[in-house]
Amino acid sequence: MATTTSPAPVTSVASVTLEVADPEAARRFYTAFGVEPRIRLRASGASGADSTGFRGFTLALTVSGPATVDGFVADAVDAGATVLKPATKSMWGYGGVVRAPDGTIWKIATSAKKDTGPATRRIDELVLLLGVEDVRASRRFYAGLGLTVAKSFGGKYAEFAAEDSDPVKLALYKRGGLAKDLGVPAEGTGSHRIALGGSTGAPFTDPDGFVWETAGPSAP
């Protein structure tokens, strides 16, 4: 999908809107999961029916320790989520992956391999990982809009800086690598069913078809 001819500068992700078939049911799930204040929801309409397979992104929660990971995973499952990857230790820390009833994939992780305190409901970071075809090209695109690259690992991964006040951190991952990390096939077609709000003066679409809108007031 082509981008607009001259996207306005973007310095942060101000909001994430998920397009869902049943907003009220999704709100109940995300409230029980513990992330409802951090995302927006709206009816997907006809576009949602056209989505099949992997939608090309994941939302990741970074938390303090394994017990907190387990708590968020358990709450998600109790509210109707499906486990894609059980929470387990890895060389990077500890984490698990679930799919919400609306189809959105969530990863809950910590860099800690041992708990240093009791489980909490605190979310340290909400990270939006976009699965892209060309990480270098997408990194250049967003850097050109004003985002600051904080980490970059060649053509595999890139992460942009976020202020403490920013609700969402943006990162780019090679689409196939992201799907593998989540435990799903990389194939998928149709709408991403997600819209990003930023400090842009006009809507635009990035090189991988992710839609950016002008961030407005939170949905009721």
N, C-alpha and C. Protein backbone atom coordinates (compact mmCIF):
# COMPACT_ATOMS: atom_id res chain seq x y z
N MET A 1 0.85 -1.19 0.00
CA MET A 1 0.00 0.00 0.00
C MET A 1 0.88 1.24 0.00
N ALA A 2 0.55 2.21 -0.81
CA ALA A 2 1.38 3.40 -0.93
C ALA A 2 1.18 4.33 0.24
N THR A 3 2.22 5.07 0.57
CA THR A 3 2.10 6.09 1.61
C THR A 3 1.54 7.35 0.99
N THR A 4 1.10 8.27 1.84
CA THR A 4 0.74 9.58 1.34
C THR A 4 2.01 10.26 0.85
N THR A 5 1.87 11.32 0.05
CA THR A 5 3.04 11.93 -0.58
C THR A 5 3.96 12.60 0.42
N SER A 6 3.40 13.18 1.49
CA SER A 6 4.25 13.88 2.45
C SER A 6 3.67 13.78 3.86
N PRO A 7 3.85 12.63 4.54
CA PRO A 7 3.34 12.48 5.90
C PRO A 7 3.90 13.55 6.82
N ALA A 8 3.06 14.00 7.77
CA ALA A 8 3.51 15.00 8.73
C ALA A 8 4.45 14.36 9.73
N PRO A 9 5.30 15.15 10.39
CA PRO A 9 6.23 14.59 11.38
C PRO A 9 5.51 13.83 12.49
N VAL A 10 6.15 12.77 12.95
CA VAL A 10 5.63 11.97 14.06
C VAL A 10 6.77 11.78 15.06
N THR A 11 6.53 12.08 16.31
CA THR A 11 7.57 11.91 17.32
C THR A 11 7.26 10.81 18.32
N SER A 12 6.02 10.30 18.31
CA SER A 12 5.67 9.23 19.23
C SER A 12 4.35 8.60 18.80
N VAL A 13 4.07 7.42 19.36
CA VAL A 13 2.77 6.78 19.18
C VAL A 13 1.89 7.21 20.33
N ALA A 14 0.87 7.97 20.04
CA ALA A 14 0.02 8.51 21.10
C ALA A 14 -1.12 7.56 21.47
N SER A 15 -1.50 6.68 20.55
CA SER A 15 -2.60 5.76 20.85
C SER A 15 -2.57 4.58 19.90
N VAL A 16 -3.20 3.49 20.33
CA VAL A 16 -3.37 2.30 19.51
C VAL A 16 -4.86 1.94 19.53
N THR A 17 -5.46 1.85 18.35
CA THR A 17 -6.87 1.51 18.24
C THR A 17 -7.00 0.15 17.57
N LEU A 18 -7.65 -0.77 18.26
CA LEU A 18 -7.91 -2.09 17.71
C LEU A 18 -9.32 -2.11 17.11
N GLU A 19 -9.43 -2.62 15.90
CA GLU A 19 -10.72 -2.77 15.26
C GLU A 19 -11.23 -4.18 15.56
N VAL A 20 -12.37 -4.26 16.24
CA VAL A 20 -12.88 -5.53 16.73
C VAL A 20 -14.33 -5.72 16.28
N ALA A 21 -14.76 -6.97 16.18
CA ALA A 21 -16.12 -7.25 15.73
C ALA A 21 -17.14 -6.84 16.78
N ASP A 22 -16.81 -6.98 18.05
CA ASP A 22 -17.74 -6.69 19.14
C ASP A 22 -17.02 -5.84 20.18
N PRO A 23 -17.13 -4.51 20.08
CA PRO A 23 -16.40 -3.64 21.01
C PRO A 23 -16.73 -3.87 22.48
N GLU A 24 -17.99 -4.15 22.80
CA GLU A 24 -18.35 -4.34 24.20
C GLU A 24 -17.72 -5.61 24.76
N ALA A 25 -17.76 -6.69 23.99
CA ALA A 25 -17.13 -7.94 24.43
C ALA A 25 -15.62 -7.74 24.55
N ALA A 26 -15.03 -7.03 23.60
CA ALA A 26 -13.59 -6.77 23.67
C ALA A 26 -13.24 -5.93 24.88
N ARG A 27 -14.09 -4.94 25.20
CA ARG A 27 -13.83 -4.09 26.37
C ARG A 27 -13.86 -4.92 27.65
N ARG A 28 -14.80 -5.84 27.73
CA ARG A 28 -14.85 -6.70 28.93
C ARG A 28 -13.59 -7.54 29.04
N PHE A 29 -13.12 -8.07 27.89
CA PHE A 29 -11.90 -8.88 27.92
C PHE A 29 -10.70 -8.04 28.36
N TYR A 30 -10.53 -6.88 27.74
CA TYR A 30 -9.34 -6.09 28.03
C TYR A 30 -9.37 -5.48 29.43
N THR A 31 -10.55 -5.27 29.95
CA THR A 31 -10.66 -4.84 31.34
C THR A 31 -10.19 -5.95 32.28
N ALA A 32 -10.65 -7.18 32.02
CA ALA A 32 -10.24 -8.32 32.84
C ALA A 32 -8.74 -8.61 32.67
N PHE A 33 -8.22 -8.41 31.47
CA PHE A 33 -6.81 -8.64 31.18
C PHE A 33 -5.95 -7.60 31.89
N GLY A 34 -6.49 -6.38 32.02
CA GLY A 34 -5.76 -5.34 32.73
C GLY A 34 -5.12 -4.29 31.85
N VAL A 35 -5.49 -4.23 30.56
CA VAL A 35 -4.85 -3.28 29.65
C VAL A 35 -5.84 -2.29 29.03
N GLU A 36 -7.10 -2.35 29.40
CA GLU A 36 -8.13 -1.55 28.74
C GLU A 36 -7.83 -0.05 28.71
N PRO A 37 -7.26 0.55 29.77
CA PRO A 37 -6.98 1.98 29.70
C PRO A 37 -5.90 2.34 28.67
N ARG A 38 -5.11 1.37 28.23
CA ARG A 38 -3.97 1.67 27.36
C ARG A 38 -4.27 1.54 25.87
N ILE A 39 -5.46 1.04 25.52
CA ILE A 39 -5.81 0.88 24.12
C ILE A 39 -7.19 1.45 23.86
N ARG A 40 -7.50 1.64 22.57
CA ARG A 40 -8.83 2.07 22.15
C ARG A 40 -9.46 0.95 21.33
N LEU A 41 -10.77 0.95 21.29
CA LEU A 41 -11.50 -0.07 20.56
C LEU A 41 -12.55 0.58 19.69
N ARG A 42 -12.74 -0.01 18.50
CA ARG A 42 -13.85 0.43 17.66
C ARG A 42 -14.29 -0.73 16.78
N ALA A 43 -15.53 -0.64 16.31
CA ALA A 43 -16.08 -1.71 15.48
C ALA A 43 -15.30 -1.81 14.17
N SER A 44 -15.01 -3.03 13.76
CA SER A 44 -14.19 -3.25 12.57
C SER A 44 -14.97 -3.07 11.28
N GLY A 45 -16.28 -3.29 11.31
CA GLY A 45 -17.06 -3.15 10.09
C GLY A 45 -16.67 -4.21 9.07
N ALA A 46 -16.81 -3.87 7.80
CA ALA A 46 -16.55 -4.84 6.73
C ALA A 46 -15.09 -5.21 6.63
N SER A 47 -14.18 -4.28 7.02
CA SER A 47 -12.75 -4.54 6.83
C SER A 47 -12.27 -5.74 7.63
N GLY A 48 -12.86 -5.94 8.82
CA GLY A 48 -12.43 -7.05 9.65
C GLY A 48 -12.70 -8.40 9.03
N ALA A 49 -13.77 -8.48 8.23
CA ALA A 49 -14.13 -9.76 7.61
C ALA A 49 -13.11 -10.18 6.57
N ASP A 50 -12.31 -9.22 6.08
CA ASP A 50 -11.35 -9.52 5.04
C ASP A 50 -10.00 -9.99 5.58
N SER A 51 -9.81 -9.96 6.90
CA SER A 51 -8.54 -10.34 7.48
C SER A 51 -8.46 -11.84 7.70
N THR A 52 -7.36 -12.43 7.26
CA THR A 52 -7.14 -13.86 7.50
C THR A 52 -5.70 -14.05 7.97
N GLY A 53 -5.50 -15.03 8.85
CA GLY A 53 -4.16 -15.36 9.30
C GLY A 53 -3.51 -14.27 10.13
N PHE A 54 -2.19 -14.22 10.10
CA PHE A 54 -1.41 -13.29 10.90
C PHE A 54 -1.65 -11.86 10.43
N ARG A 55 -2.00 -10.97 11.35
CA ARG A 55 -2.31 -9.59 11.01
C ARG A 55 -1.07 -8.69 11.01
N GLY A 56 0.10 -9.26 11.25
CA GLY A 56 1.33 -8.52 11.04
C GLY A 56 1.85 -7.68 12.18
N PHE A 57 1.32 -7.85 13.38
CA PHE A 57 1.81 -7.07 14.52
C PHE A 57 1.53 -7.82 15.81
N THR A 58 2.16 -7.38 16.87
CA THR A 58 1.81 -7.84 18.20
C THR A 58 1.95 -6.68 19.17
N LEU A 59 1.20 -6.73 20.24
CA LEU A 59 1.34 -5.79 21.35
C LEU A 59 2.02 -6.55 22.49
N ALA A 60 3.05 -5.95 23.06
CA ALA A 60 3.84 -6.63 24.08
C ALA A 60 3.83 -5.83 25.37
N LEU A 61 3.61 -6.52 26.47
CA LEU A 61 3.69 -5.92 27.79
C LEU A 61 5.02 -6.30 28.42
N THR A 62 5.76 -5.31 28.86
CA THR A 62 6.98 -5.55 29.63
C THR A 62 6.66 -5.33 31.09
N VAL A 63 6.94 -6.35 31.91
CA VAL A 63 6.60 -6.29 33.34
C VAL A 63 7.82 -6.64 34.18
N SER A 64 7.63 -6.64 35.51
CA SER A 64 8.79 -6.70 36.41
C SER A 64 9.39 -8.08 36.61
N GLY A 65 8.58 -9.14 36.58
CA GLY A 65 9.13 -10.45 36.89
C GLY A 65 8.23 -11.59 36.44
N PRO A 66 8.71 -12.82 36.53
CA PRO A 66 7.95 -13.98 36.07
C PRO A 66 6.57 -14.13 36.71
N ALA A 67 6.45 -13.85 38.00
CA ALA A 67 5.15 -14.00 38.66
C ALA A 67 4.13 -13.04 38.07
N THR A 68 4.56 -11.84 37.71
CA THR A 68 3.66 -10.87 37.09
C THR A 68 3.27 -11.32 35.68
N VAL A 69 4.24 -11.89 34.94
CA VAL A 69 3.93 -12.47 33.63
C VAL A 69 2.84 -13.52 33.80
N ASP A 70 3.03 -14.44 34.73
CA ASP A 70 2.07 -15.51 34.95
C ASP A 70 0.69 -14.96 35.30
N GLY A 71 0.66 -13.89 36.08
CA GLY A 71 -0.62 -13.30 36.47
C GLY A 71 -1.37 -12.74 35.29
N PHE A 72 -0.67 -12.01 34.42
CA PHE A 72 -1.33 -11.45 33.24
C PHE A 72 -1.78 -12.55 32.28
N VAL A 73 -0.96 -13.57 32.09
CA VAL A 73 -1.34 -14.68 31.21
C VAL A 73 -2.57 -15.39 31.77
N ALA A 74 -2.59 -15.65 33.07
CA ALA A 74 -3.73 -16.33 33.69
C ALA A 74 -5.01 -15.51 33.55
N ASP A 75 -4.91 -14.20 33.76
CA ASP A 75 -6.08 -13.35 33.64
C ASP A 75 -6.60 -13.33 32.20
N ALA A 76 -5.68 -13.31 31.25
CA ALA A 76 -6.09 -13.33 29.85
C ALA A 76 -6.81 -14.62 29.50
N VAL A 77 -6.26 -15.75 29.94
CA VAL A 77 -6.88 -17.04 29.66
C VAL A 77 -8.24 -17.15 30.34
N ASP A 78 -8.33 -16.70 31.58
CA ASP A 78 -9.61 -16.74 32.29
C ASP A 78 -10.67 -15.91 31.58
N ALA A 79 -10.24 -14.86 30.89
CA ALA A 79 -11.18 -13.98 30.20
C ALA A 79 -11.48 -14.44 28.77
N GLY A 80 -10.83 -15.53 28.33
CA GLY A 80 -11.15 -16.08 27.01
C GLY A 80 -10.03 -16.14 26.01
N ALA A 81 -8.81 -15.76 26.39
CA ALA A 81 -7.68 -15.80 25.46
C ALA A 81 -7.20 -17.23 25.24
N THR A 82 -6.50 -17.44 24.14
CA THR A 82 -5.90 -18.73 23.81
C THR A 82 -4.39 -18.61 23.95
N VAL A 83 -3.77 -19.58 24.59
CA VAL A 83 -2.31 -19.56 24.75
C VAL A 83 -1.65 -20.02 23.45
N LEU A 84 -0.80 -19.18 22.89
CA LEU A 84 -0.01 -19.56 21.71
C LEU A 84 1.35 -20.11 22.11
N LYS A 85 1.92 -19.52 23.17
CA LYS A 85 3.18 -20.02 23.73
C LYS A 85 3.08 -19.92 25.25
N PRO A 86 3.15 -21.04 25.95
CA PRO A 86 3.12 -20.97 27.41
C PRO A 86 4.28 -20.15 27.94
N ALA A 87 4.08 -19.48 29.05
CA ALA A 87 5.15 -18.70 29.67
C ALA A 87 6.29 -19.61 30.09
N THR A 88 7.49 -19.24 29.69
CA THR A 88 8.66 -20.06 29.98
C THR A 88 9.92 -19.21 29.97
N LYS A 89 11.01 -19.74 30.50
CA LYS A 89 12.29 -19.04 30.47
C LYS A 89 12.91 -19.13 29.08
N SER A 90 13.66 -18.10 28.74
CA SER A 90 14.43 -18.10 27.50
C SER A 90 15.75 -17.41 27.78
N MET A 91 16.59 -17.31 26.76
CA MET A 91 17.87 -16.63 26.98
C MET A 91 17.68 -15.15 27.23
N TRP A 92 16.49 -14.61 26.88
CA TRP A 92 16.22 -13.18 27.05
C TRP A 92 15.49 -12.87 28.36
N GLY A 93 14.94 -13.90 29.01
CA GLY A 93 14.18 -13.65 30.23
C GLY A 93 13.07 -14.67 30.42
N TYR A 94 11.84 -14.18 30.51
CA TYR A 94 10.70 -15.06 30.78
C TYR A 94 9.48 -14.43 30.12
N GLY A 95 8.69 -15.23 29.39
CA GLY A 95 7.51 -14.66 28.75
C GLY A 95 6.62 -15.69 28.11
N GLY A 96 5.42 -15.24 27.74
CA GLY A 96 4.45 -16.09 27.08
C GLY A 96 3.64 -15.27 26.09
N VAL A 97 2.89 -15.96 25.22
CA VAL A 97 2.12 -15.31 24.16
C VAL A 97 0.70 -15.83 24.18
N VAL A 98 -0.27 -14.91 24.08
CA VAL A 98 -1.68 -15.28 24.03
C VAL A 98 -2.36 -14.56 22.87
N ARG A 99 -3.47 -15.16 22.41
CA ARG A 99 -4.30 -14.51 21.39
C ARG A 99 -5.63 -14.14 22.03
N ALA A 100 -5.97 -12.86 21.99
CA ALA A 100 -7.23 -12.38 22.54
C ALA A 100 -8.40 -12.90 21.71
N PRO A 101 -9.62 -12.92 22.26
CA PRO A 101 -10.78 -13.37 21.49
C PRO A 101 -10.99 -12.59 20.19
N ASP A 102 -10.57 -11.33 20.13
CA ASP A 102 -10.73 -10.55 18.91
C ASP A 102 -9.65 -10.84 17.88
N GLY A 103 -8.67 -11.68 18.23
CA GLY A 103 -7.62 -12.06 17.30
C GLY A 103 -6.29 -11.37 17.51
N THR A 104 -6.26 -10.32 18.32
CA THR A 104 -5.00 -9.62 18.57
C THR A 104 -4.06 -10.49 19.39
N ILE A 105 -2.80 -10.53 18.98
CA ILE A 105 -1.79 -11.32 19.69
C ILE A 105 -1.06 -10.43 20.69
N TRP A 106 -0.94 -10.92 21.91
CA TRP A 106 -0.26 -10.21 22.99
C TRP A 106 0.90 -11.05 23.51
N LYS A 107 2.02 -10.39 23.73
CA LYS A 107 3.18 -11.03 24.36
C LYS A 107 3.41 -10.37 25.71
N ILE A 108 3.56 -11.18 26.74
CA ILE A 108 3.83 -10.66 28.08
C ILE A 108 5.20 -11.19 28.50
N ALA A 109 6.12 -10.28 28.83
CA ALA A 109 7.50 -10.72 29.06
C ALA A 109 8.21 -9.86 30.08
N THR A 110 9.29 -10.42 30.61
CA THR A 110 10.18 -9.71 31.51
C THR A 110 11.61 -10.14 31.20
N SER A 111 12.55 -9.24 31.42
CA SER A 111 13.96 -9.60 31.25
C SER A 111 14.49 -10.35 32.46
N ALA A 112 13.74 -10.33 33.57
CA ALA A 112 14.15 -11.03 34.79
C ALA A 112 13.80 -12.51 34.71
N LYS A 113 14.71 -13.35 35.16
CA LYS A 113 14.44 -14.78 35.18
C LYS A 113 14.00 -15.26 36.55
N LYS A 114 14.17 -14.39 37.57
CA LYS A 114 13.72 -14.72 38.92
C LYS A 114 12.98 -13.53 39.49
N ASP A 115 12.00 -13.81 40.33
CA ASP A 115 11.25 -12.74 40.98
C ASP A 115 12.07 -12.13 42.11
N THR A 116 12.01 -10.81 42.20
CA THR A 116 12.66 -10.11 43.31
C THR A 116 11.61 -9.50 44.23
N GLY A 117 10.36 -9.77 43.95
CA GLY A 117 9.26 -9.27 44.77
C GLY A 117 7.98 -9.96 44.36
N PRO A 118 6.87 -9.62 45.00
CA PRO A 118 5.59 -10.27 44.69
C PRO A 118 5.06 -9.84 43.32
N ALA A 119 4.11 -10.62 42.80
CA ALA A 119 3.47 -10.27 41.55
C ALA A 119 2.69 -8.96 41.71
N THR A 120 2.67 -8.17 40.65
CA THR A 120 1.93 -6.91 40.65
C THR A 120 1.06 -6.85 39.40
N ARG A 121 0.29 -5.78 39.28
CA ARG A 121 -0.49 -5.53 38.07
C ARG A 121 0.12 -4.39 37.27
N ARG A 122 1.35 -4.05 37.58
CA ARG A 122 2.00 -2.92 36.92
C ARG A 122 2.55 -3.33 35.56
N ILE A 123 2.32 -2.46 34.57
CA ILE A 123 2.88 -2.62 33.24
C ILE A 123 3.98 -1.58 33.07
N ASP A 124 5.21 -2.04 32.88
CA ASP A 124 6.33 -1.10 32.74
C ASP A 124 6.35 -0.45 31.36
N GLU A 125 6.06 -1.24 30.32
CA GLU A 125 6.04 -0.72 28.95
C GLU A 125 4.98 -1.44 28.14
N LEU A 126 4.36 -0.70 27.23
CA LEU A 126 3.52 -1.28 26.18
C LEU A 126 4.26 -1.04 24.87
N VAL A 127 4.64 -2.11 24.20
CA VAL A 127 5.42 -2.02 22.98
C VAL A 127 4.59 -2.54 21.81
N LEU A 128 4.51 -1.75 20.74
CA LEU A 128 3.86 -2.18 19.52
C LEU A 128 4.94 -2.63 18.55
N LEU A 129 4.94 -3.93 18.23
CA LEU A 129 5.90 -4.50 17.28
C LEU A 129 5.21 -4.69 15.94
N LEU A 130 5.68 -3.97 14.93
CA LEU A 130 5.14 -4.11 13.59
C LEU A 130 5.98 -5.11 12.80
N GLY A 131 5.34 -6.08 12.21
CA GLY A 131 6.04 -7.02 11.34
C GLY A 131 6.15 -6.41 9.94
N VAL A 132 7.36 -6.15 9.49
CA VAL A 132 7.57 -5.45 8.22
C VAL A 132 8.40 -6.30 7.26
N GLU A 133 8.27 -6.00 5.99
CA GLU A 133 9.01 -6.75 4.98
C GLU A 133 10.48 -6.36 4.94
N ASP A 134 10.77 -5.08 5.16
CA ASP A 134 12.14 -4.59 5.06
C ASP A 134 12.39 -3.66 6.26
N VAL A 135 13.06 -4.18 7.27
CA VAL A 135 13.28 -3.42 8.50
C VAL A 135 14.08 -2.15 8.22
N ARG A 136 15.11 -2.25 7.41
CA ARG A 136 15.94 -1.07 7.13
C ARG A 136 15.13 0.04 6.45
N ALA A 137 14.32 -0.34 5.47
CA ALA A 137 13.51 0.65 4.76
C ALA A 137 12.48 1.28 5.68
N SER A 138 11.82 0.47 6.50
CA SER A 138 10.82 1.01 7.43
C SER A 138 11.47 1.87 8.51
N ARG A 139 12.66 1.48 8.94
CA ARG A 139 13.39 2.29 9.93
C ARG A 139 13.70 3.67 9.35
N ARG A 140 14.16 3.69 8.10
CA ARG A 140 14.45 4.97 7.45
C ARG A 140 13.18 5.80 7.30
N PHE A 141 12.08 5.16 6.96
CA PHE A 141 10.81 5.86 6.79
C PHE A 141 10.41 6.57 8.08
N TYR A 142 10.43 5.84 9.20
CA TYR A 142 10.00 6.44 10.46
C TYR A 142 11.02 7.43 11.01
N ALA A 143 12.29 7.15 10.80
CA ALA A 143 13.32 8.12 11.21
C ALA A 143 13.15 9.41 10.43
N GLY A 144 12.76 9.29 9.17
CA GLY A 144 12.54 10.47 8.35
C GLY A 144 11.35 11.30 8.81
N LEU A 145 10.43 10.66 9.54
CA LEU A 145 9.27 11.38 10.07
C LEU A 145 9.57 12.05 11.41
N GLY A 146 10.70 11.71 12.02
CA GLY A 146 11.06 12.35 13.27
C GLY A 146 11.27 11.44 14.45
N LEU A 147 10.99 10.13 14.30
CA LEU A 147 11.25 9.21 15.39
C LEU A 147 12.74 8.95 15.52
N THR A 148 13.20 8.80 16.75
CA THR A 148 14.63 8.57 17.03
C THR A 148 14.89 7.08 17.21
N VAL A 149 15.82 6.55 16.44
CA VAL A 149 16.18 5.13 16.56
C VAL A 149 16.97 4.93 17.85
N ALA A 150 16.47 4.03 18.70
CA ALA A 150 17.15 3.74 19.96
C ALA A 150 18.01 2.48 19.87
N LYS A 151 17.52 1.50 19.14
CA LYS A 151 18.24 0.24 18.94
C LYS A 151 18.04 -0.21 17.51
N SER A 152 19.06 -0.84 16.95
CA SER A 152 18.94 -1.35 15.60
C SER A 152 19.86 -2.55 15.42
N PHE A 153 19.29 -3.64 14.91
CA PHE A 153 20.06 -4.85 14.66
C PHE A 153 19.90 -5.23 13.19
N GLY A 154 20.58 -4.45 12.34
CA GLY A 154 20.58 -4.72 10.92
C GLY A 154 19.19 -4.77 10.33
N GLY A 155 18.93 -5.81 9.55
CA GLY A 155 17.64 -5.96 8.90
C GLY A 155 16.66 -6.80 9.68
N LYS A 156 16.93 -7.03 10.99
CA LYS A 156 16.06 -7.91 11.77
C LYS A 156 15.15 -7.17 12.74
N TYR A 157 15.65 -6.07 13.33
CA TYR A 157 14.90 -5.42 14.39
C TYR A 157 15.34 -3.98 14.54
N ALA A 158 14.39 -3.11 14.85
CA ALA A 158 14.70 -1.72 15.17
C ALA A 158 13.70 -1.24 16.21
N GLU A 159 14.16 -0.39 17.12
CA GLU A 159 13.32 0.13 18.18
C GLU A 159 13.51 1.63 18.27
N PHE A 160 12.42 2.35 18.48
CA PHE A 160 12.48 3.80 18.54
C PHE A 160 12.38 4.29 19.98
N ALA A 161 13.03 5.39 20.25
CA ALA A 161 13.05 5.95 21.60
C ALA A 161 11.66 6.45 21.97
N ALA A 162 11.37 6.36 23.28
CA ALA A 162 10.11 6.86 23.80
C ALA A 162 10.37 7.57 25.11
N GLU A 163 9.68 8.67 25.33
CA GLU A 163 9.78 9.38 26.60
C GLU A 163 8.99 8.62 27.66
N ASP A 164 9.26 8.91 28.92
CA ASP A 164 8.53 8.25 30.00
C ASP A 164 7.03 8.50 29.91
N SER A 165 6.65 9.64 29.32
CA SER A 165 5.23 9.98 29.22
C SER A 165 4.54 9.34 28.02
N ASP A 166 5.32 8.74 27.11
CA ASP A 166 4.72 8.13 25.92
C ASP A 166 3.99 6.84 26.31
N PRO A 167 2.74 6.67 25.87
CA PRO A 167 2.00 5.47 26.25
C PRO A 167 2.46 4.20 25.55
N VAL A 168 3.09 4.36 24.37
CA VAL A 168 3.44 3.19 23.55
C VAL A 168 4.84 3.38 22.96
N LYS A 169 5.63 2.32 22.98
CA LYS A 169 6.92 2.32 22.29
C LYS A 169 6.76 1.56 20.98
N LEU A 170 7.34 2.09 19.91
CA LEU A 170 7.24 1.47 18.59
C LEU A 170 8.51 0.70 18.26
N ALA A 171 8.34 -0.50 17.70
CA ALA A 171 9.48 -1.30 17.26
C ALA A 171 9.12 -2.00 15.96
N LEU A 172 10.14 -2.34 15.20
CA LEU A 172 9.98 -3.02 13.92
C LEU A 172 10.69 -4.37 13.96
N TYR A 173 10.04 -5.36 13.40
CA TYR A 173 10.58 -6.72 13.40
C TYR A 173 10.33 -7.29 12.01
N LYS A 174 11.28 -8.03 11.49
CA LYS A 174 11.05 -8.73 10.23
C LYS A 174 9.80 -9.60 10.39
N ARG A 175 8.87 -9.48 9.44
CA ARG A 175 7.56 -10.14 9.61
C ARG A 175 7.68 -11.63 9.90
N GLY A 176 8.51 -12.32 9.14
CA GLY A 176 8.66 -13.75 9.36
C GLY A 176 9.25 -14.07 10.72
N GLY A 177 10.22 -13.26 11.15
CA GLY A 177 10.82 -13.47 12.47
C GLY A 177 9.83 -13.20 13.59
N LEU A 178 8.98 -12.18 13.42
CA LEU A 178 7.99 -11.89 14.44
C LEU A 178 6.97 -13.02 14.55
N ALA A 179 6.51 -13.52 13.42
CA ALA A 179 5.55 -14.63 13.43
C ALA A 179 6.16 -15.86 14.12
N LYS A 180 7.41 -16.14 13.82
CA LYS A 180 8.08 -17.29 14.45
C LYS A 180 8.18 -17.10 15.95
N ASP A 181 8.51 -15.88 16.38
CA ASP A 181 8.62 -15.59 17.80
C ASP A 181 7.29 -15.78 18.52
N LEU A 182 6.20 -15.49 17.81
CA LEU A 182 4.87 -15.60 18.40
C LEU A 182 4.29 -17.01 18.30
N GLY A 183 4.88 -17.83 17.46
CA GLY A 183 4.39 -19.20 17.31
C GLY A 183 3.23 -19.33 16.35
N VAL A 184 3.20 -18.45 15.30
CA VAL A 184 2.11 -18.51 14.32
C VAL A 184 2.71 -18.50 12.91
N PRO A 185 1.96 -19.01 11.91
CA PRO A 185 2.43 -18.88 10.52
C PRO A 185 2.48 -17.42 10.11
N ALA A 186 3.41 -17.08 9.24
CA ALA A 186 3.58 -15.69 8.83
C ALA A 186 2.55 -15.24 7.82
N GLU A 187 1.83 -16.18 7.19
CA GLU A 187 0.90 -15.82 6.14
C GLU A 187 -0.32 -15.09 6.71
N GLY A 188 -0.78 -14.09 5.98
CA GLY A 188 -1.98 -13.36 6.38
C GLY A 188 -2.32 -12.34 5.32
N THR A 189 -3.61 -12.06 5.17
CA THR A 189 -4.05 -11.09 4.17
C THR A 189 -5.12 -10.20 4.77
N GLY A 190 -5.39 -9.10 4.09
CA GLY A 190 -6.47 -8.21 4.50
C GLY A 190 -6.01 -7.14 5.47
N SER A 191 -6.98 -6.50 6.11
CA SER A 191 -6.72 -5.39 7.01
C SER A 191 -5.90 -5.81 8.22
N HIS A 192 -5.00 -4.94 8.66
CA HIS A 192 -4.29 -5.18 9.91
C HIS A 192 -5.24 -5.06 11.11
N ARG A 193 -6.35 -4.34 10.93
CA ARG A 193 -7.33 -4.08 11.98
C ARG A 193 -6.69 -3.38 13.19
N ILE A 194 -5.83 -2.44 12.87
CA ILE A 194 -5.21 -1.61 13.90
C ILE A 194 -4.95 -0.23 13.30
N ALA A 195 -5.13 0.80 14.09
CA ALA A 195 -4.82 2.17 13.66
C ALA A 195 -3.97 2.83 14.72
N LEU A 196 -2.96 3.57 14.30
CA LEU A 196 -2.02 4.21 15.22
C LEU A 196 -2.30 5.70 15.24
N GLY A 197 -2.35 6.25 16.43
CA GLY A 197 -2.54 7.69 16.57
C GLY A 197 -1.21 8.35 16.88
N GLY A 198 -0.94 9.45 16.21
CA GLY A 198 0.32 10.15 16.44
C GLY A 198 0.14 11.64 16.34
N SER A 199 1.26 12.33 16.38
CA SER A 199 1.24 13.79 16.33
C SER A 199 1.21 14.27 14.88
N THR A 200 0.62 13.48 14.02
CA THR A 200 0.57 13.81 12.61
C THR A 200 -0.61 14.72 12.31
N GLY A 201 -0.42 15.65 11.41
CA GLY A 201 -1.50 16.55 11.05
C GLY A 201 -2.45 15.97 10.04
N ALA A 202 -2.07 14.88 9.38
CA ALA A 202 -2.92 14.25 8.38
C ALA A 202 -2.69 12.75 8.40
N PRO A 203 -3.73 11.95 8.17
CA PRO A 203 -3.55 10.50 8.14
C PRO A 203 -2.59 10.07 7.04
N PHE A 204 -1.90 8.96 7.27
CA PHE A 204 -1.06 8.39 6.23
C PHE A 204 -0.94 6.89 6.47
N THR A 205 -0.41 6.21 5.49
CA THR A 205 -0.22 4.76 5.57
C THR A 205 1.26 4.47 5.32
N ASP A 206 1.85 3.63 6.17
CA ASP A 206 3.29 3.37 6.04
C ASP A 206 3.55 2.34 4.94
N PRO A 207 4.81 2.03 4.63
CA PRO A 207 5.11 1.13 3.52
C PRO A 207 4.53 -0.27 3.65
N ASP A 208 4.18 -0.70 4.87
CA ASP A 208 3.62 -2.03 5.08
C ASP A 208 2.12 -2.02 5.30
N GLY A 209 1.49 -0.87 5.05
CA GLY A 209 0.04 -0.81 5.12
C GLY A 209 -0.53 -0.48 6.49
N PHE A 210 0.31 -0.12 7.46
CA PHE A 210 -0.20 0.27 8.77
C PHE A 210 -0.69 1.72 8.71
N VAL A 211 -1.89 1.94 9.20
CA VAL A 211 -2.55 3.24 9.08
C VAL A 211 -2.28 4.09 10.31
N TRP A 212 -1.92 5.34 10.06
CA TRP A 212 -1.74 6.34 11.11
C TRP A 212 -2.83 7.38 11.00
N GLU A 213 -3.40 7.76 12.13
CA GLU A 213 -4.44 8.76 12.21
C GLU A 213 -4.01 9.88 13.16
N THR A 214 -4.67 11.00 13.08
CA THR A 214 -4.42 12.05 14.05
C THR A 214 -4.98 11.62 15.40
N ALA A 215 -4.17 11.62 16.43
CA ALA A 215 -4.62 11.18 17.74
C ALA A 215 -5.64 12.19 18.28
N GLY A 216 -6.79 11.66 18.70
CA GLY A 216 -7.83 12.50 19.25
C GLY A 216 -8.16 12.08 20.66
N PRO A 217 -9.26 12.59 21.23
CA PRO A 217 -9.66 12.21 22.59
C PRO A 217 -9.92 10.71 22.69
N SER A 218 -9.72 10.17 23.87
CA SER A 218 -9.96 8.75 24.10
C SER A 218 -11.41 8.42 23.84
N ALA A 219 -11.64 7.23 23.30
CA ALA A 219 -13.01 6.79 23.05
C ALA A 219 -13.71 6.53 24.36
N PRO A 220 -15.03 6.78 24.42
CA PRO A 220 -15.75 6.57 25.66
C PRO A 220 -15.84 5.10 25.99
